[in-house]
Structure formats: C-alpha cells, structure tokens
Amino acid sequence: MACIHREKQLKGWHRKWKMELIEKMNPNWVDLFYRYCPEYVNQKGEIEIVGKSETPGPRIKSGVTKARTADRGPG
C-alpha cells in the first residue's frame, strides 16, 4: 500500500521535481527495465511482450520488439 500512496504523491508533482528525483536516484539514466523485468528478454536479447491485457484501453501487441540488450546502455 505504501507504493500506491507514493505513486499518487508523485503524480501530483511538477515535471521539474520528478526530473530532479530521477537525476538524484539514477544520474546516468540507466534503463532499469532489463534489471527488473528479465523475464521479458529472450535469448537473442530482444524484448518479448506476450499475452493480452485484461483491462480496456490500448494494448501492447504480442511479439518481439526491435530493442536489443546492446541498446540498453550501462547497467
């Protein structure tokens, strides 16, 4: 529940404040997706988003994107 409260706090912040927080916590702007979601990276180093969204609205198409692990920068 604390993370939901924090997310709601951050949504109310001005863009400048959010940028300053990111710069403080991640000054090199390292893409953290690969660190926290390794289950979506296949053996070729491509990102795979599989399955359907259960909620209405825009959906990510199933398949492989063109992003490669070499594109993710230092990390």
C-alpha atoms as a PDB file:
ATOM      1  CA  MET A   1       0.000   0.000   0.000  1.00  0.00           C
ATOM      2  CA  ALA A   2       2.925   2.341   0.609  1.00  0.00           C
ATOM      3  CA  CYS A   3       3.943   2.107  -3.059  1.00  0.00           C
ATOM      4  CA  ILE A   4       0.440   3.092  -4.198  1.00  0.00           C
ATOM      5  CA  HIS A   5       0.499   6.081  -1.851  1.00  0.00           C
ATOM      6  CA  ARG A   6       3.935   7.099  -3.168  1.00  0.00           C
ATOM      7  CA  GLU A   7       2.796   6.761  -6.787  1.00  0.00           C
ATOM      8  CA  LYS A   8      -0.162   9.050  -6.107  1.00  0.00           C
ATOM      9  CA  GLN A   9       2.172  11.577  -4.479  1.00  0.00           C
ATOM     10  CA  LEU A  10       4.489  11.592  -7.478  1.00  0.00           C
ATOM     11  CA  LYS A  11       1.608  12.010  -9.932  1.00  0.00           C
ATOM     12  CA  GLY A  12       0.854  15.345  -8.289  1.00  0.00           C
ATOM     13  CA  TRP A  13       4.419  16.606  -8.644  1.00  0.00           C
ATOM     14  CA  HIS A  14       5.564  19.065 -11.289  1.00  0.00           C
ATOM     15  CA  ARG A  15       7.695  17.628 -14.099  1.00  0.00           C
ATOM     16  CA  LYS A  16      10.768  19.509 -12.830  1.00  0.00           C
ATOM     17  CA  TRP A  17      10.511  17.860  -9.413  1.00  0.00           C
ATOM     18  CA  LYS A  18      10.172  14.416 -10.992  1.00  0.00           C
ATOM     19  CA  MET A  19      13.230  15.026 -13.185  1.00  0.00           C
ATOM     20  CA  GLU A  20      15.250  16.124 -10.145  1.00  0.00           C
ATOM     21  CA  LEU A  21      14.268  12.939  -8.291  1.00  0.00           C
ATOM     22  CA  ILE A  22      15.326  10.778 -11.239  1.00  0.00           C
ATOM     23  CA  GLU A  23      18.624  12.663 -11.563  1.00  0.00           C
ATOM     24  CA  LYS A  24      19.274  12.104  -7.846  1.00  0.00           C
ATOM     25  CA  MET A  25      18.408   8.382  -7.848  1.00  0.00           C
ATOM     26  CA  ASN A  26      19.628   7.428 -11.358  1.00  0.00           C
ATOM     27  CA  PRO A  27      22.016  10.150 -12.615  1.00  0.00           C
ATOM     28  CA  ASN A  28      23.112   8.171 -15.702  1.00  0.00           C
ATOM     29  CA  TRP A  29      19.508   7.452 -16.719  1.00  0.00           C
ATOM     30  CA  VAL A  30      20.180   3.699 -16.849  1.00  0.00           C
ATOM     31  CA  ASP A  31      17.196   1.817 -18.329  1.00  0.00           C
ATOM     32  CA  LEU A  32      16.030  -0.276 -15.364  1.00  0.00           C
ATOM     33  CA  PHE A  33      13.581  -2.405 -17.363  1.00  0.00           C
ATOM     34  CA  TYR A  34      16.182  -5.087 -18.053  1.00  0.00           C
ATOM     35  CA  ARG A  35      17.151  -5.284 -14.386  1.00  0.00           C
ATOM     36  CA  TYR A  36      13.617  -5.575 -13.004  1.00  0.00           C
ATOM     37  CA  CYS A  37      11.859  -7.446 -15.841  1.00  0.00           C
ATOM     38  CA  PRO A  38      14.375 -10.031 -17.137  1.00  0.00           C
ATOM     39  CA  GLU A  39      11.546 -12.472 -17.871  1.00  0.00           C
ATOM     40  CA  TYR A  40      10.674 -10.363 -20.947  1.00  0.00           C
ATOM     41  CA  VAL A  41      14.146 -10.601 -22.521  1.00  0.00           C
ATOM     42  CA  ASN A  42      14.676 -13.614 -24.796  1.00  0.00           C
ATOM     43  CA  GLN A  43      17.990 -15.360 -25.542  1.00  0.00           C
ATOM     44  CA  LYS A  44      18.613 -13.078 -28.535  1.00  0.00           C
ATOM     45  CA  GLY A  45      18.462 -10.061 -26.241  1.00  0.00           C
ATOM     46  CA  GLU A  46      15.123  -8.891 -27.633  1.00  0.00           C
ATOM     47  CA  ILE A  47      12.150  -7.804 -25.553  1.00  0.00           C
ATOM     48  CA  GLU A  48       9.084 -10.044 -25.825  1.00  0.00           C
ATOM     49  CA  ILE A  49       5.714  -8.880 -24.569  1.00  0.00           C
ATOM     50  CA  VAL A  50       3.357 -11.845 -24.695  1.00  0.00           C
ATOM     51  CA  GLY A  51      -0.301 -12.135 -23.816  1.00  0.00           C
ATOM     52  CA  LYS A  52      -3.312  -9.876 -23.705  1.00  0.00           C
ATOM     53  CA  SER A  53      -4.285  -7.134 -21.329  1.00  0.00           C
ATOM     54  CA  GLU A  54      -7.360  -7.879 -19.248  1.00  0.00           C
ATOM     55  CA  THR A  55      -8.207  -4.183 -18.958  1.00  0.00           C
ATOM     56  CA  PRO A  56      -9.890  -1.997 -21.581  1.00  0.00           C
ATOM     57  CA  GLY A  57      -7.802   0.505 -23.475  1.00  0.00           C
ATOM     58  CA  PRO A  58      -4.614   0.403 -25.513  1.00  0.00           C
ATOM     59  CA  ARG A  59      -2.805  -2.932 -25.599  1.00  0.00           C
ATOM     60  CA  ILE A  60       0.768  -3.864 -26.336  1.00  0.00           C
ATOM     61  CA  LYS A  61       0.895  -6.114 -29.364  1.00  0.00           C
ATOM     62  CA  SER A  62       2.301  -9.559 -28.788  1.00  0.00           C
ATOM     63  CA  GLY A  63       5.617 -10.293 -30.424  1.00  0.00           C
ATOM     64  CA  VAL A  64       9.178  -9.116 -30.378  1.00  0.00           C
ATOM     65  CA  THR A  65      10.263  -5.501 -30.418  1.00  0.00           C
ATOM     66  CA  LYS A  66      13.427  -4.302 -32.112  1.00  0.00           C
ATOM     67  CA  ALA A  67      15.062  -3.325 -28.811  1.00  0.00           C
ATOM     68  CA  ARG A  68      18.242  -5.256 -28.135  1.00  0.00           C
ATOM     69  CA  THR A  69      20.206  -5.622 -24.911  1.00  0.00           C
ATOM     70  CA  ALA A  70      23.094  -3.799 -26.599  1.00  0.00           C
ATOM     71  CA  ASP A  71      20.827  -0.719 -26.767  1.00  0.00           C
ATOM     72  CA  ARG A  72      20.240  -0.568 -23.041  1.00  0.00           C
ATOM     73  CA  GLY A  73      23.425   1.241 -22.057  1.00  0.00           C
ATOM     74  CA  PRO A  74      25.477   0.712 -18.934  1.00  0.00           C
ATOM     75  CA  GLY A  75      23.853  -1.256 -16.208  1.00  0.00           C
END
